Amino acid sequence: MIELPIEVTPEGGEPLRVVATSRDIRQWEKMTKDFSFSNAGNLRMGDIYGIAYQACRRQKIFAGTLVDFEAEHDLDVLNEEVEEVDPTRPVP
């Protein structure tokens, strides 16, 4: 599973930890012409805001527009070790 942990801090508010998943990334890919997750090593700030925006909308943290989200929030991509989940079932 793809997970991108992002700290989202609303203007004058406390930071929230939001985890963007493959669904959020896919929604952002569909909204932009020049973004592909295969280029994830070269994420622009606009891409990070777009992915965080999609994650916040999906998790019902934010309901406004992308323009409002960008104007009202600061972001920090968290450099966390994400444990890979083995999709296969263990052998008994």
PDB file of N, CA and C in Angstrom:
ATOM      1  N   MET A   1       0.835  -1.162   0.000  1.00  0.00           N
ATOM      2  CA  MET A   1       0.000   0.000   0.000  1.00  0.00           C
ATOM      3  C   MET A   1       0.892   1.241   0.000  1.00  0.00           C
ATOM      4  N   ILE A   2       0.517   2.221  -0.777  1.00  0.00           N
ATOM      5  CA  ILE A   2       1.248   3.478  -0.830  1.00  0.00           C
ATOM      6  C   ILE A   2       0.665   4.414   0.216  1.00  0.00           C
ATOM      7  N   GLU A   3       1.535   4.958   1.066  1.00  0.00           N
ATOM      8  CA  GLU A   3       1.109   5.927   2.069  1.00  0.00           C
ATOM      9  C   GLU A   3       2.098   7.082   2.082  1.00  0.00           C
ATOM     10  N   LEU A   4       1.568   8.301   2.116  1.00  0.00           N
ATOM     11  CA  LEU A   4       2.382   9.501   2.183  1.00  0.00           C
ATOM     12  C   LEU A   4       1.906  10.319   3.383  1.00  0.00           C
ATOM     13  N   PRO A   5       2.612  10.236   4.522  1.00  0.00           N
ATOM     14  CA  PRO A   5       2.197  10.996   5.702  1.00  0.00           C
ATOM     15  C   PRO A   5       2.558  12.479   5.554  1.00  0.00           C
ATOM     16  N   ILE A   6       1.573  13.335   5.833  1.00  0.00           N
ATOM     17  CA  ILE A   6       1.747  14.774   5.683  1.00  0.00           C
ATOM     18  C   ILE A   6       1.201  15.462   6.934  1.00  0.00           C
ATOM     19  N   GLU A   7       1.963  16.417   7.460  1.00  0.00           N
ATOM     20  CA  GLU A   7       1.469  17.238   8.556  1.00  0.00           C
ATOM     21  C   GLU A   7       0.816  18.471   7.944  1.00  0.00           C
ATOM     22  N   VAL A   8      -0.476  18.670   8.249  1.00  0.00           N
ATOM     23  CA  VAL A   8      -1.255  19.775   7.713  1.00  0.00           C
ATOM     24  C   VAL A   8      -1.572  20.713   8.874  1.00  0.00           C
ATOM     25  N   THR A   9      -1.166  21.971   8.744  1.00  0.00           N
ATOM     26  CA  THR A   9      -1.411  22.946   9.808  1.00  0.00           C
ATOM     27  C   THR A   9      -2.308  24.060   9.281  1.00  0.00           C
ATOM     28  N   PRO A  10      -3.566  24.104   9.750  1.00  0.00           N
ATOM     29  CA  PRO A  10      -4.449  25.187   9.324  1.00  0.00           C
ATOM     30  C   PRO A  10      -3.998  26.522   9.930  1.00  0.00           C
ATOM     31  N   GLU A  11      -4.290  27.609   9.242  1.00  0.00           N
ATOM     32  CA  GLU A  11      -3.954  28.953   9.719  1.00  0.00           C
ATOM     33  C   GLU A  11      -4.479  29.137  11.138  1.00  0.00           C
ATOM     34  N   GLY A  12      -3.576  29.375  12.073  1.00  0.00           N
ATOM     35  CA  GLY A  12      -3.957  29.612  13.463  1.00  0.00           C
ATOM     36  C   GLY A  12      -4.411  28.376  14.213  1.00  0.00           C
ATOM     37  N   GLY A  13      -4.206  27.192  13.633  1.00  0.00           N
ATOM     38  CA  GLY A  13      -4.665  25.959  14.267  1.00  0.00           C
ATOM     39  C   GLY A  13      -3.528  25.024  14.622  1.00  0.00           C
ATOM     40  N   GLU A  14      -3.892  23.891  15.148  1.00  0.00           N
ATOM     41  CA  GLU A  14      -2.931  22.859  15.526  1.00  0.00           C
ATOM     42  C   GLU A  14      -2.655  21.938  14.337  1.00  0.00           C
ATOM     43  N   PRO A  15      -1.431  21.432  14.232  1.00  0.00           N
ATOM     44  CA  PRO A  15      -1.109  20.515  13.128  1.00  0.00           C
ATOM     45  C   PRO A  15      -1.865  19.192  13.235  1.00  0.00           C
ATOM     46  N   LEU A  16      -2.213  18.654  12.083  1.00  0.00           N
ATOM     47  CA  LEU A  16      -2.870  17.350  11.978  1.00  0.00           C
ATOM     48  C   LEU A  16      -1.985  16.444  11.142  1.00  0.00           C
ATOM     49  N   ARG A  17      -1.955  15.170  11.486  1.00  0.00           N
ATOM     50  CA  ARG A  17      -1.233  14.189  10.669  1.00  0.00           C
ATOM     51  C   ARG A  17      -2.246  13.536   9.744  1.00  0.00           C
ATOM     52  N   VAL A  18      -2.025  13.691   8.452  1.00  0.00           N
ATOM     53  CA  VAL A  18      -2.906  13.126   7.434  1.00  0.00           C
ATOM     54  C   VAL A  18      -2.073  12.150   6.610  1.00  0.00           C
ATOM     55  N   VAL A  19      -2.646  10.999   6.303  1.00  0.00           N
ATOM     56  CA  VAL A  19      -1.937  10.029   5.470  1.00  0.00           C
ATOM     57  C   VAL A  19      -2.651   9.938   4.125  1.00  0.00           C
ATOM     58  N   ALA A  20      -1.959  10.386   3.082  1.00  0.00           N
ATOM     59  CA  ALA A  20      -2.489  10.258   1.728  1.00  0.00           C
ATOM     60  C   ALA A  20      -2.217   8.837   1.243  1.00  0.00           C
ATOM     61  N   THR A  21      -3.197   8.264   0.575  1.00  0.00           N
ATOM     62  CA  THR A  21      -3.053   6.903   0.051  1.00  0.00           C
ATOM     63  C   THR A  21      -3.105   6.929  -1.473  1.00  0.00           C
ATOM     64  N   SER A  22      -3.036   5.759  -2.050  1.00  0.00           N
ATOM     65  CA  SER A  22      -3.057   5.646  -3.508  1.00  0.00           C
ATOM     66  C   SER A  22      -4.321   6.270  -4.097  1.00  0.00           C
ATOM     67  N   ARG A  23      -5.437   6.231  -3.373  1.00  0.00           N
ATOM     68  CA  ARG A  23      -6.674   6.846  -3.888  1.00  0.00           C
ATOM     69  C   ARG A  23      -6.512   8.355  -4.042  1.00  0.00           C
ATOM     70  N   ASP A  24      -5.875   8.983  -3.068  1.00  0.00           N
ATOM     71  CA  ASP A  24      -5.669  10.434  -3.120  1.00  0.00           C
ATOM     72  C   ASP A  24      -4.706  10.803  -4.244  1.00  0.00           C
ATOM     73  N   ILE A  25      -3.661  10.019  -4.380  1.00  0.00           N
ATOM     74  CA  ILE A  25      -2.676  10.262  -5.433  1.00  0.00           C
ATOM     75  C   ILE A  25      -3.326  10.099  -6.800  1.00  0.00           C
ATOM     76  N   ARG A  26      -4.147   9.071  -6.966  1.00  0.00           N
ATOM     77  CA  ARG A  26      -4.835   8.844  -8.240  1.00  0.00           C
ATOM     78  C   ARG A  26      -5.778   9.996  -8.571  1.00  0.00           C
ATOM     79  N   GLN A  27      -6.512  10.509  -7.576  1.00  0.00           N
ATOM     80  CA  GLN A  27      -7.404  11.642  -7.815  1.00  0.00           C
ATOM     81  C   GLN A  27      -6.608  12.864  -8.288  1.00  0.00           C
ATOM     82  N   TRP A  28      -5.435  13.066  -7.678  1.00  0.00           N
ATOM     83  CA  TRP A  28      -4.604  14.197  -8.094  1.00  0.00           C
ATOM     84  C   TRP A  28      -4.074  13.984  -9.507  1.00  0.00           C
ATOM     85  N   GLU A  29      -3.687  12.761  -9.848  1.00  0.00           N
ATOM     86  CA  GLU A  29      -3.225  12.463 -11.209  1.00  0.00           C
ATOM     87  C   GLU A  29      -4.311  12.813 -12.222  1.00  0.00           C
ATOM     88  N   LYS A  30      -5.557  12.497 -11.901  1.00  0.00           N
ATOM     89  CA  LYS A  30      -6.664  12.758 -12.817  1.00  0.00           C
ATOM     90  C   LYS A  30      -6.925  14.254 -12.984  1.00  0.00           C
ATOM     91  N   MET A  31      -6.576  15.062 -11.971  1.00  0.00           N
ATOM     92  CA  MET A  31      -6.830  16.510 -12.028  1.00  0.00           C
ATOM     93  C   MET A  31      -5.718  17.276 -12.723  1.00  0.00           C
ATOM     94  N   THR A  32      -4.553  16.665 -12.893  1.00  0.00           N
ATOM     95  CA  THR A  32      -3.417  17.386 -13.475  1.00  0.00           C
ATOM     96  C   THR A  32      -2.907  16.663 -14.712  1.00  0.00           C
ATOM     97  N   LYS A  33      -2.442  17.442 -15.660  1.00  0.00           N
ATOM     98  CA  LYS A  33      -1.943  16.867 -16.909  1.00  0.00           C
ATOM     99  C   LYS A  33      -0.512  16.361 -16.779  1.00  0.00           C
ATOM    100  N   ASP A  34       0.299  17.068 -16.019  1.00  0.00           N
ATOM    101  CA  ASP A  34       1.729  16.769 -16.026  1.00  0.00           C
ATOM    102  C   ASP A  34       2.226  16.045 -14.785  1.00  0.00           C
ATOM    103  N   PHE A  35       1.317  15.469 -13.987  1.00  0.00           N
ATOM    104  CA  PHE A  35       1.753  14.750 -12.791  1.00  0.00           C
ATOM    105  C   PHE A  35       1.548  13.263 -12.980  1.00  0.00           C
ATOM    106  N   SER A  36       2.542  12.497 -12.591  1.00  0.00           N
ATOM    107  CA  SER A  36       2.439  11.048 -12.560  1.00  0.00           C
ATOM    108  C   SER A  36       3.205  10.585 -11.334  1.00  0.00           C
ATOM    109  N   PHE A  37       2.641   9.650 -10.597  1.00  0.00           N
ATOM    110  CA  PHE A  37       3.315   9.187  -9.388  1.00  0.00           C
ATOM    111  C   PHE A  37       4.651   8.538  -9.705  1.00  0.00           C
ATOM    112  N   SER A  38       4.836   8.121 -10.939  1.00  0.00           N
ATOM    113  CA  SER A  38       6.141   7.558 -11.318  1.00  0.00           C
ATOM    114  C   SER A  38       7.238   8.617 -11.225  1.00  0.00           C
ATOM    115  N   ASN A  39       6.843   9.895 -11.203  1.00  0.00           N
ATOM    116  CA  ASN A  39       7.795  10.998 -11.032  1.00  0.00           C
ATOM    117  C   ASN A  39       7.827  11.477  -9.586  1.00  0.00           C
ATOM    118  N   ALA A  40       7.438  10.638  -8.650  1.00  0.00           N
ATOM    119  CA  ALA A  40       7.282  11.045  -7.251  1.00  0.00           C
ATOM    120  C   ALA A  40       8.570  11.579  -6.632  1.00  0.00           C
ATOM    121  N   GLY A  41       9.703  11.193  -7.150  1.00  0.00           N
ATOM    122  CA  GLY A  41      10.965  11.714  -6.631  1.00  0.00           C
ATOM    123  C   GLY A  41      11.146  13.188  -6.930  1.00  0.00           C
ATOM    124  N   ASN A  42      10.337  13.713  -7.843  1.00  0.00           N
ATOM    125  CA  ASN A  42      10.428  15.123  -8.237  1.00  0.00           C
ATOM    126  C   ASN A  42       9.130  15.863  -7.931  1.00  0.00           C
ATOM    127  N   LEU A  43       8.526  15.587  -6.770  1.00  0.00           N
ATOM    128  CA  LEU A  43       7.272  16.246  -6.415  1.00  0.00           C
ATOM    129  C   LEU A  43       7.484  17.750  -6.262  1.00  0.00           C
ATOM    130  N   ARG A  44       6.601  18.505  -6.879  1.00  0.00           N
ATOM    131  CA  ARG A  44       6.593  19.958  -6.703  1.00  0.00           C
ATOM    132  C   ARG A  44       5.672  20.284  -5.533  1.00  0.00           C
ATOM    133  N   MET A  45       5.801  21.472  -4.975  1.00  0.00           N
ATOM    134  CA  MET A  45       4.956  21.867  -3.857  1.00  0.00           C
ATOM    135  C   MET A  45       3.477  21.830  -4.253  1.00  0.00           C
ATOM    136  N   GLY A  46       3.183  22.214  -5.483  1.00  0.00           N
ATOM    137  CA  GLY A  46       1.802  22.160  -5.957  1.00  0.00           C
ATOM    138  C   GLY A  46       1.246  20.743  -5.944  1.00  0.00           C
ATOM    139  N   ASP A  47       2.089  19.764  -6.270  1.00  0.00           N
ATOM    140  CA  ASP A  47       1.664  18.367  -6.238  1.00  0.00           C
ATOM    141  C   ASP A  47       1.394  17.920  -4.801  1.00  0.00           C
ATOM    142  N   ILE A  48       2.264  18.319  -3.880  1.00  0.00           N
ATOM    143  CA  ILE A  48       2.077  17.935  -2.475  1.00  0.00           C
ATOM    144  C   ILE A  48       0.785  18.548  -1.942  1.00  0.00           C
ATOM    145  N   TYR A  49       0.538  19.829  -2.263  1.00  0.00           N
ATOM    146  CA  TYR A  49      -0.709  20.461  -1.838  1.00  0.00           C
ATOM    147  C   TYR A  49      -1.915  19.742  -2.444  1.00  0.00           C
ATOM    148  N   GLY A  50      -1.821  19.377  -3.705  1.00  0.00           N
ATOM    149  CA  GLY A  50      -2.936  18.689  -4.354  1.00  0.00           C
ATOM    150  C   GLY A  50      -3.218  17.335  -3.733  1.00  0.00           C
ATOM    151  N   ILE A  51      -2.191  16.585  -3.435  1.00  0.00           N
ATOM    152  CA  ILE A  51      -2.361  15.264  -2.812  1.00  0.00           C
ATOM    153  C   ILE A  51      -2.903  15.420  -1.397  1.00  0.00           C
ATOM    154  N   ALA A  52      -2.362  16.380  -0.638  1.00  0.00           N
ATOM    155  CA  ALA A  52      -2.848  16.619   0.727  1.00  0.00           C
ATOM    156  C   ALA A  52      -4.307  17.075   0.697  1.00  0.00           C
ATOM    157  N   TYR A  53      -4.649  17.922  -0.258  1.00  0.00           N
ATOM    158  CA  TYR A  53      -6.025  18.385  -0.425  1.00  0.00           C
ATOM    159  C   TYR A  53      -6.976  17.209  -0.659  1.00  0.00           C
ATOM    160  N   GLN A  54      -6.587  16.311  -1.562  1.00  0.00           N
ATOM    161  CA  GLN A  54      -7.427  15.142  -1.834  1.00  0.00           C
ATOM    162  C   GLN A  54      -7.589  14.281  -0.576  1.00  0.00           C
ATOM    163  N   ALA A  55      -6.496  14.092   0.166  1.00  0.00           N
ATOM    164  CA  ALA A  55      -6.552  13.285   1.390  1.00  0.00           C
ATOM    165  C   ALA A  55      -7.463  13.935   2.434  1.00  0.00           C
ATOM    166  N   CYS A  56      -7.353  15.237   2.589  1.00  0.00           N
ATOM    167  CA  CYS A  56      -8.188  15.944   3.572  1.00  0.00           C
ATOM    168  C   CYS A  56      -9.660  15.917   3.171  1.00  0.00           C
ATOM    169  N   ARG A  57      -9.943  16.029   1.896  1.00  0.00           N
ATOM    170  CA  ARG A  57     -11.344  15.929   1.439  1.00  0.00           C
ATOM    171  C   ARG A  57     -11.892  14.523   1.695  1.00  0.00           C
ATOM    172  N   ARG A  58     -11.109  13.496   1.345  1.00  0.00           N
ATOM    173  CA  ARG A  58     -11.568  12.116   1.531  1.00  0.00           C
ATOM    174  C   ARG A  58     -11.823  11.815   2.998  1.00  0.00           C
ATOM    175  N   GLN A  59     -10.986  12.355   3.881  1.00  0.00           N
ATOM    176  CA  GLN A  59     -11.112  12.094   5.311  1.00  0.00           C
ATOM    177  C   GLN A  59     -12.042  13.088   6.009  1.00  0.00           C
ATOM    178  N   LYS A  60     -12.705  13.943   5.197  1.00  0.00           N
ATOM    179  CA  LYS A  60     -13.678  14.919   5.687  1.00  0.00           C
ATOM    180  C   LYS A  60     -13.077  15.899   6.703  1.00  0.00           C
ATOM    181  N   ILE A  61     -11.809  16.255   6.461  1.00  0.00           N
ATOM    182  CA  ILE A  61     -11.117  17.235   7.290  1.00  0.00           C
ATOM    183  C   ILE A  61     -11.299  18.632   6.698  1.00  0.00           C
ATOM    184  N   PHE A  62     -11.455  18.708   5.376  1.00  0.00           N
ATOM    185  CA  PHE A  62     -11.581  19.988   4.679  1.00  0.00           C
ATOM    186  C   PHE A  62     -12.591  19.834   3.560  1.00  0.00           C
ATOM    187  N   ALA A  63     -13.475  20.838   3.406  1.00  0.00           N
ATOM    188  CA  ALA A  63     -14.516  20.741   2.386  1.00  0.00           C
ATOM    189  C   ALA A  63     -14.469  21.870   1.360  1.00  0.00           C
ATOM    190  N   GLY A  64     -13.491  22.773   1.458  1.00  0.00           N
ATOM    191  CA  GLY A  64     -13.417  23.906   0.540  1.00  0.00           C
ATOM    192  C   GLY A  64     -12.713  23.570  -0.762  1.00  0.00           C
ATOM    193  N   THR A  65     -12.311  24.618  -1.455  1.00  0.00           N
ATOM    194  CA  THR A  65     -11.635  24.462  -2.743  1.00  0.00           C
ATOM    195  C   THR A  65     -10.131  24.282  -2.540  1.00  0.00           C
ATOM    196  N   LEU A  66      -9.460  23.845  -3.578  1.00  0.00           N
ATOM    197  CA  LEU A  66      -8.005  23.716  -3.542  1.00  0.00           C
ATOM    198  C   LEU A  66      -7.354  25.079  -3.308  1.00  0.00           C
ATOM    199  N   VAL A  67      -7.889  26.116  -3.927  1.00  0.00           N
ATOM    200  CA  VAL A  67      -7.345  27.468  -3.753  1.00  0.00           C
ATOM    201  C   VAL A  67      -7.430  27.869  -2.281  1.00  0.00           C
ATOM    202  N   ASP A  68      -8.572  27.613  -1.642  1.00  0.00           N
ATOM    203  CA  ASP A  68      -8.726  27.927  -0.214  1.00  0.00           C
ATOM    204  C   ASP A  68      -7.785  27.081   0.642  1.00  0.00           C
ATOM    205  N   PHE A  69      -7.656  25.798   0.302  1.00  0.00           N
ATOM    206  CA  PHE A  69      -6.773  24.904   1.047  1.00  0.00           C
ATOM    207  C   PHE A  69      -5.341  25.428   1.008  1.00  0.00           C
ATOM    208  N   GLU A  70      -4.877  25.805  -0.181  1.00  0.00           N
ATOM    209  CA  GLU A  70      -3.506  26.319  -0.319  1.00  0.00           C
ATOM    210  C   GLU A  70      -3.312  27.616   0.467  1.00  0.00           C
ATOM    211  N   ALA A  71      -4.334  28.463   0.499  1.00  0.00           N
ATOM    212  CA  ALA A  71      -4.228  29.757   1.173  1.00  0.00           C
ATOM    213  C   ALA A  71      -4.277  29.633   2.694  1.00  0.00           C
ATOM    214  N   GLU A  72      -4.897  28.553   3.199  1.00  0.00           N
ATOM    215  CA  GLU A  72      -5.169  28.452   4.629  1.00  0.00           C
ATOM    216  C   GLU A  72      -4.346  27.400   5.371  1.00  0.00           C
ATOM    217  N   HIS A  73      -3.467  26.661   4.676  1.00  0.00           N
ATOM    218  CA  HIS A  73      -2.748  25.555   5.314  1.00  0.00           C
ATOM    219  C   HIS A  73      -1.262  25.556   4.966  1.00  0.00           C
ATOM    220  N   ASP A  74      -0.456  25.179   5.941  1.00  0.00           N
ATOM    221  CA  ASP A  74       0.957  24.899   5.711  1.00  0.00           C
ATOM    222  C   ASP A  74       1.136  23.390   5.750  1.00  0.00           C
ATOM    223  N   LEU A  75       2.099  22.896   4.981  1.00  0.00           N
ATOM    224  CA  LEU A  75       2.316  21.449   4.890  1.00  0.00           C
ATOM    225  C   LEU A  75       3.758  21.084   5.210  1.00  0.00           C
ATOM    226  N   ASP A  76       3.906  19.867   5.713  1.00  0.00           N
ATOM    227  CA  ASP A  76       5.227  19.288   5.923  1.00  0.00           C
ATOM    228  C   ASP A  76       5.108  17.800   5.634  1.00  0.00           C
ATOM    229  N   VAL A  77       5.859  17.317   4.651  1.00  0.00           N
ATOM    230  CA  VAL A  77       5.857  15.886   4.360  1.00  0.00           C
ATOM    231  C   VAL A  77       6.675  15.219   5.451  1.00  0.00           C
ATOM    232  N   LEU A  78       6.062  14.279   6.148  1.00  0.00           N
ATOM    233  CA  LEU A  78       6.724  13.607   7.266  1.00  0.00           C
ATOM    234  C   LEU A  78       7.602  12.490   6.737  1.00  0.00           C
ATOM    235  N   ASN A  79       8.789  12.420   7.228  1.00  0.00           N
ATOM    236  CA  ASN A  79       9.742  11.413   6.803  1.00  0.00           C
ATOM    237  C   ASN A  79       9.686  10.250   7.791  1.00  0.00           C
ATOM    238  N   GLU A  80       8.615   9.483   7.702  1.00  0.00           N
ATOM    239  CA  GLU A  80       8.414   8.363   8.624  1.00  0.00           C
ATOM    240  C   GLU A  80       8.710   7.057   7.916  1.00  0.00           C
ATOM    241  N   GLU A  81       9.159   6.107   8.694  1.00  0.00           N
ATOM    242  CA  GLU A  81       9.316   4.754   8.160  1.00  0.00           C
ATOM    243  C   GLU A  81       7.935   4.115   8.165  1.00  0.00           C
ATOM    244  N   VAL A  82       7.454   3.756   6.989  1.00  0.00           N
ATOM    245  CA  VAL A  82       6.155   3.113   6.878  1.00  0.00           C
ATOM    246  C   VAL A  82       6.380   1.623   6.745  1.00  0.00           C
ATOM    247  N   GLU A  83       5.762   0.868   7.633  1.00  0.00           N
ATOM    248  CA  GLU A  83       5.927  -0.578   7.599  1.00  0.00           C
ATOM    249  C   GLU A  83       5.138  -1.153   6.442  1.00  0.00           C
ATOM    250  N   GLU A  84       5.796  -1.934   5.626  1.00  0.00           N
ATOM    251  CA  GLU A  84       5.130  -2.586   4.503  1.00  0.00           C
ATOM    252  C   GLU A  84       4.229  -3.698   5.028  1.00  0.00           C
ATOM    253  N   VAL A  85       3.028  -3.744   4.505  1.00  0.00           N
ATOM    254  CA  VAL A  85       2.081  -4.782   4.890  1.00  0.00           C
ATOM    255  C   VAL A  85       2.128  -5.879   3.859  1.00  0.00           C
ATOM    256  N   ASP A  86       2.324  -7.109   4.312  1.00  0.00           N
ATOM    257  CA  ASP A  86       2.357  -8.255   3.418  1.00  0.00           C
ATOM    258  C   ASP A  86       0.926  -8.624   3.056  1.00  0.00           C
ATOM    259  N   PRO A  87       0.518  -8.495   1.787  1.00  0.00           N
ATOM    260  CA  PRO A  87      -0.864  -8.761   1.416  1.00  0.00           C
ATOM    261  C   PRO A  87      -1.235 -10.243   1.424  1.00  0.00           C
ATOM    262  N   THR A  88      -0.259 -11.123   1.547  1.00  0.00           N
ATOM    263  CA  THR A  88      -0.558 -12.550   1.581  1.00  0.00           C
ATOM    264  C   THR A  88      -0.871 -12.998   2.997  1.00  0.00           C
ATOM    265  N   ARG A  89      -1.654 -14.004   3.096  1.00  0.00           N
ATOM    266  CA  ARG A  89      -1.983 -14.531   4.409  1.00  0.00           C
ATOM    267  C   ARG A  89      -0.861 -15.450   4.891  1.00  0.00           C
ATOM    268  N   PRO A  90      -0.575 -15.402   6.198  1.00  0.00           N
ATOM    269  CA  PRO A  90       0.475 -16.298   6.696  1.00  0.00           C
ATOM    270  C   PRO A  90       0.065 -17.754   6.594  1.00  0.00           C
ATOM    271  N   VAL A  91       1.041 -18.601   6.366  1.00  0.00           N
ATOM    272  CA  VAL A  91       0.782 -20.032   6.286  1.00  0.00           C
ATOM    273  C   VAL A  91       0.620 -20.569   7.707  1.00  0.00           C
ATOM    274  N   PRO A  92      -0.477 -21.313   7.997  1.00  0.00           N
ATOM    275  CA  PRO A  92      -0.680 -21.831   9.362  1.00  0.00           C
ATOM    276  C   PRO A  92       0.326 -22.893   9.728  1.00  0.00           C
TER     277      PRO A  92
END
